[in-house]
Amino acid sequence: MIKANNIHKYYTDLHVLKGVDLNIQKGEIVSIVGASGAGKTTLLHILGTLDKASSKDQGTLHINDVDIMGLSDKNLAKFRNEHIGFIFQFHQLLPEFTALENVCLPAFIKRTPKKDAENRAKELLDFLGLNHRHHHKPGELSGGEQQRVAVARALINNPELIFADEPSGNLDSESAENLHNLFFKLRDQFGQTFVIVTHNEELANMADRKLVMVDGKIV
């Protein structure tokens, strides 16, 4: 599913990632932990194609046997939209749109017909226990509900890969536990692969594998 080799990242003179090698199998839930500044989010963004590795070190990144580093920006954006979903600590919902509209956005970018996108969004919101919240805007939802809308948005295009960056970091303990259990339910039902950066030890230990980052490397 994911094969990364010799991934480096520099920000001017700051060497953030120092030759990361990583293999993740289809259907795995993998957590990445480590102190702040260890490079976890930077690695997640590179694996998720939101950022690019530094090229001078000749690292490689393949997702589903696709050479990610060989894609043009246009093809990379298309690949990301069709194959990858993202869940962030702060839900990143657009406040002027309803839950249903927020969930539909990636499908509209993919040029999915409006009726098909809305039907799929309703299915996901209902699956996530939000059947009574379709037409509520983010400001009318609780923190846990907002994050579940964000999960539905991440799933709308049926991506094989879900990347989550501190997904429960902004939730109370009950909502966090519900979200953690949801990831495993989704994996079991839809076969998705999850890569989760987290400081939550409970979530990290639930994963199939826990990777520890120290000073830009997986140890």
Protein backbone atom coordinates (compact mmCIF):
# COMPACT_ATOMS: atom_id res chain seq x y z
CA MET A 1 0.00 0.00 0.00
CA ILE A 2 2.69 2.53 1.07
CA LYS A 3 6.39 2.07 0.41
CA ALA A 4 8.62 4.97 1.43
CA ASN A 5 12.39 4.85 1.21
CA ASN A 6 15.02 7.35 2.36
CA ILE A 7 12.56 10.22 2.89
CA HIS A 8 14.28 13.47 3.86
CA LYS A 9 12.84 16.92 4.45
CA TYR A 10 14.72 20.16 4.90
CA TYR A 11 13.37 23.59 5.75
CA THR A 12 16.37 25.72 4.73
CA ASP A 13 19.03 24.50 7.20
CA LEU A 14 16.64 22.56 9.44
CA HIS A 15 16.80 18.81 8.70
CA VAL A 16 13.36 17.59 9.83
CA LEU A 17 13.19 14.08 8.34
CA LYS A 18 16.43 12.11 8.19
CA GLY A 19 16.03 9.17 5.88
CA VAL A 20 12.71 7.59 6.87
CA ASP A 21 11.93 4.10 5.54
CA LEU A 22 8.37 2.83 5.90
CA ASN A 23 6.15 0.02 4.63
CA ILE A 24 2.43 -0.08 5.40
CA GLN A 25 0.17 -2.90 4.25
CA LYS A 26 -3.38 -2.58 2.95
CA GLY A 27 -5.92 -2.65 5.78
CA GLU A 28 -3.42 -1.83 8.51
CA ILE A 29 -4.03 0.78 11.17
CA VAL A 30 -0.65 2.30 12.01
CA SER A 31 -0.06 4.93 14.68
CA ILE A 32 2.91 7.29 14.72
CA VAL A 33 3.96 8.73 18.06
CA GLY A 34 6.81 10.84 19.37
CA ALA A 35 7.60 14.12 21.05
CA SER A 36 6.60 17.43 19.48
CA GLY A 37 9.11 18.35 16.81
CA ALA A 38 10.05 14.74 16.03
CA GLY A 39 8.75 15.08 12.46
CA LYS A 40 5.46 13.16 12.73
CA THR A 41 3.20 15.66 11.00
CA THR A 42 5.82 16.44 8.36
CA LEU A 43 6.03 12.73 7.54
CA LEU A 44 2.24 12.41 7.46
CA HIS A 45 1.95 15.33 5.05
CA ILE A 46 4.56 13.83 2.73
CA LEU A 47 2.96 10.38 2.80
CA GLY A 48 -0.40 12.05 2.16
CA THR A 49 1.01 14.05 -0.78
CA LEU A 50 0.25 17.41 0.88
CA ASP A 51 3.98 18.15 0.95
CA LYS A 52 6.98 16.87 -0.98
CA ALA A 53 10.15 15.24 0.27
CA SER A 54 13.44 16.98 -0.44
CA SER A 55 14.62 15.72 -3.80
CA LYS A 56 18.40 15.84 -3.41
CA ASP A 57 18.49 12.62 -1.34
CA GLN A 58 16.79 10.47 -4.01
CA GLY A 59 14.09 9.12 -1.75
CA THR A 60 11.12 7.24 -3.17
CA LEU A 61 7.42 7.06 -2.31
CA HIS A 62 4.99 4.59 -3.85
CA ILE A 63 1.29 4.31 -2.99
CA ASN A 64 -0.59 1.43 -4.61
CA ASP A 65 2.43 0.96 -6.87
CA VAL A 66 2.13 4.54 -8.14
CA ASP A 67 5.37 6.55 -8.14
CA ILE A 68 4.12 9.59 -6.24
CA MET A 69 7.26 11.63 -6.80
CA GLY A 70 6.94 11.17 -10.55
CA LEU A 71 3.47 12.71 -10.80
CA SER A 72 2.84 16.21 -12.10
CA ASP A 73 1.10 18.62 -9.71
CA LYS A 74 -2.17 18.17 -11.61
CA ASN A 75 -2.01 14.37 -11.53
CA LEU A 76 -0.92 14.45 -7.91
CA ALA A 77 -3.98 16.51 -6.96
CA LYS A 78 -6.20 14.07 -8.87
CA PHE A 79 -4.59 11.07 -7.16
CA ARG A 80 -5.02 12.69 -3.75
CA ASN A 81 -8.68 13.48 -4.35
CA GLU A 82 -9.50 9.96 -5.55
CA HIS A 83 -7.39 7.78 -3.27
CA ILE A 84 -6.68 9.64 -0.01
CA GLY A 85 -8.81 11.03 2.81
CA PHE A 86 -7.66 13.39 5.57
CA ILE A 87 -8.84 13.94 9.13
CA PHE A 88 -7.23 16.76 11.12
CA GLN A 89 -7.28 17.79 14.78
CA PHE A 90 -9.37 20.82 13.91
CA HIS A 91 -12.15 19.63 11.65
CA GLN A 92 -11.52 22.28 8.95
CA LEU A 93 -15.20 22.42 8.05
CA LEU A 94 -16.38 25.46 6.11
CA PRO A 95 -18.67 27.40 8.49
CA GLU A 96 -21.01 28.75 5.82
CA PHE A 97 -21.92 25.26 4.54
CA THR A 98 -24.12 22.59 6.11
CA ALA A 99 -22.79 19.22 7.22
CA LEU A 100 -24.12 17.67 4.01
CA GLU A 101 -22.51 20.34 1.83
CA ASN A 102 -19.16 20.03 3.62
CA VAL A 103 -19.13 16.27 3.12
CA CYS A 104 -19.96 16.62 -0.58
CA LEU A 105 -17.10 18.98 -1.44
CA PRO A 106 -14.43 16.37 -2.34
CA ALA A 107 -17.00 14.53 -4.47
CA PHE A 108 -17.84 17.72 -6.33
CA ILE A 109 -14.13 18.27 -6.97
CA LYS A 110 -14.08 14.76 -8.43
CA ARG A 111 -17.03 15.80 -10.65
CA THR A 112 -19.40 13.31 -9.10
CA PRO A 113 -23.00 14.18 -10.11
CA LYS A 114 -24.70 16.27 -7.41
CA LYS A 115 -27.45 13.74 -6.66
CA ASP A 116 -24.97 10.84 -6.36
CA ALA A 117 -22.67 12.89 -4.11
CA GLU A 118 -25.53 13.92 -1.84
CA ASN A 119 -26.89 10.38 -1.59
CA ARG A 120 -23.44 9.06 -0.64
CA ALA A 121 -22.96 11.90 1.88
CA LYS A 122 -26.30 11.12 3.50
CA GLU A 123 -25.38 7.43 3.74
CA LEU A 124 -22.11 8.31 5.49
CA LEU A 125 -23.67 10.83 7.86
CA ASP A 126 -26.37 8.32 8.77
CA PHE A 127 -23.73 5.60 9.28
CA LEU A 128 -21.91 7.97 11.64
CA GLY A 129 -25.06 8.70 13.66
CA LEU A 130 -25.71 12.14 12.17
CA ASN A 131 -28.97 11.44 10.34
CA HIS A 132 -30.58 14.37 12.21
CA ARG A 133 -27.74 16.80 11.41
CA HIS A 134 -27.62 16.89 7.59
CA HIS A 135 -28.64 20.52 7.33
CA HIS A 136 -26.90 21.91 10.41
CA LYS A 137 -23.88 24.16 9.99
CA PRO A 138 -20.66 23.47 11.96
CA GLY A 139 -21.47 26.15 14.55
CA GLU A 140 -24.63 24.23 15.44
CA LEU A 141 -22.78 20.95 16.07
CA SER A 142 -20.85 19.65 19.06
CA GLY A 143 -17.11 19.01 18.78
CA GLY A 144 -17.66 15.28 18.38
CA GLU A 145 -20.32 15.83 15.73
CA GLN A 146 -18.07 18.20 13.81
CA GLN A 147 -15.29 15.64 13.79
CA ARG A 148 -17.66 12.93 12.55
CA VAL A 149 -18.69 15.22 9.70
CA ALA A 150 -14.98 15.57 8.91
CA VAL A 151 -14.67 11.77 8.90
CA ALA A 152 -17.59 11.52 6.47
CA ARG A 153 -15.91 14.11 4.24
CA ALA A 154 -12.71 12.05 4.30
CA LEU A 155 -14.67 8.96 3.21
CA ILE A 156 -16.89 10.46 0.50
CA ASN A 157 -14.70 9.38 -2.43
CA ASN A 158 -14.12 5.87 -1.02
CA PRO A 159 -10.37 6.38 -0.54
CA GLU A 160 -8.13 3.42 0.16
CA LEU A 161 -6.01 5.49 2.56
CA ILE A 162 -7.00 7.69 5.49
CA PHE A 163 -4.42 9.97 7.11
CA ALA A 164 -5.32 11.42 10.50
CA ASP A 165 -3.33 14.09 12.35
CA GLU A 166 -4.23 14.24 16.07
CA PRO A 167 -7.85 13.40 15.15
CA SER A 168 -9.06 13.26 18.75
CA GLY A 169 -6.80 15.96 20.17
CA ASN A 170 -9.62 18.49 20.34
CA LEU A 171 -12.29 16.14 21.75
CA ASP A 172 -13.47 15.22 25.23
CA SER A 173 -12.60 11.71 26.41
CA GLU A 174 -15.95 10.12 25.49
CA SER A 175 -15.99 11.62 21.99
CA ALA A 176 -12.35 10.61 21.53
CA GLU A 177 -13.07 7.01 22.51
CA ASN A 178 -16.02 6.90 20.10
CA LEU A 179 -13.86 8.25 17.29
CA HIS A 180 -11.10 5.72 17.97
CA ASN A 181 -13.56 2.83 17.89
CA LEU A 182 -15.03 4.24 14.68
CA PHE A 183 -11.68 3.96 12.88
CA PHE A 184 -11.56 0.22 13.57
CA LYS A 185 -15.20 -0.21 12.58
CA LEU A 186 -14.48 1.55 9.28
CA ARG A 187 -11.41 -0.58 8.64
CA ASP A 188 -13.33 -3.77 9.32
CA GLN A 189 -16.31 -2.72 7.18
CA PHE A 190 -14.60 -0.95 4.27
CA GLY A 191 -11.01 -2.27 4.37
CA GLN A 192 -9.35 1.13 4.54
CA THR A 193 -5.77 1.71 5.64
CA PHE A 194 -5.26 4.27 8.42
CA VAL A 195 -2.09 6.18 9.32
CA ILE A 196 -2.65 8.15 12.50
CA VAL A 197 -0.36 10.68 14.18
CA THR A 198 -1.39 10.97 17.80
CA HIS A 199 -0.32 11.88 21.32
CA ASN A 200 -3.17 9.75 22.68
CA GLU A 201 -1.53 6.63 24.10
CA GLU A 202 -4.79 4.68 24.16
CA LEU A 203 -5.35 5.22 20.44
CA ALA A 204 -1.69 4.58 19.64
CA ASN A 205 -1.74 1.26 21.49
CA MET A 206 -4.98 0.15 19.79
CA ALA A 207 -3.30 0.26 16.38
CA ASP A 208 -1.97 -2.81 14.61
CA ARG A 209 1.49 -1.22 14.76
CA LYS A 210 2.88 1.71 16.72
CA LEU A 211 5.83 3.55 15.18
CA VAL A 212 7.92 5.87 17.34
CA MET A 213 9.65 8.88 15.84
CA VAL A 214 12.68 10.49 17.45
CA ASP A 215 14.56 13.40 15.91
CA GLY A 216 13.36 12.84 12.36
CA LYS A 217 13.71 9.06 12.28
CA ILE A 218 11.54 6.02 13.06
CA VAL A 219 13.26 4.11 15.85
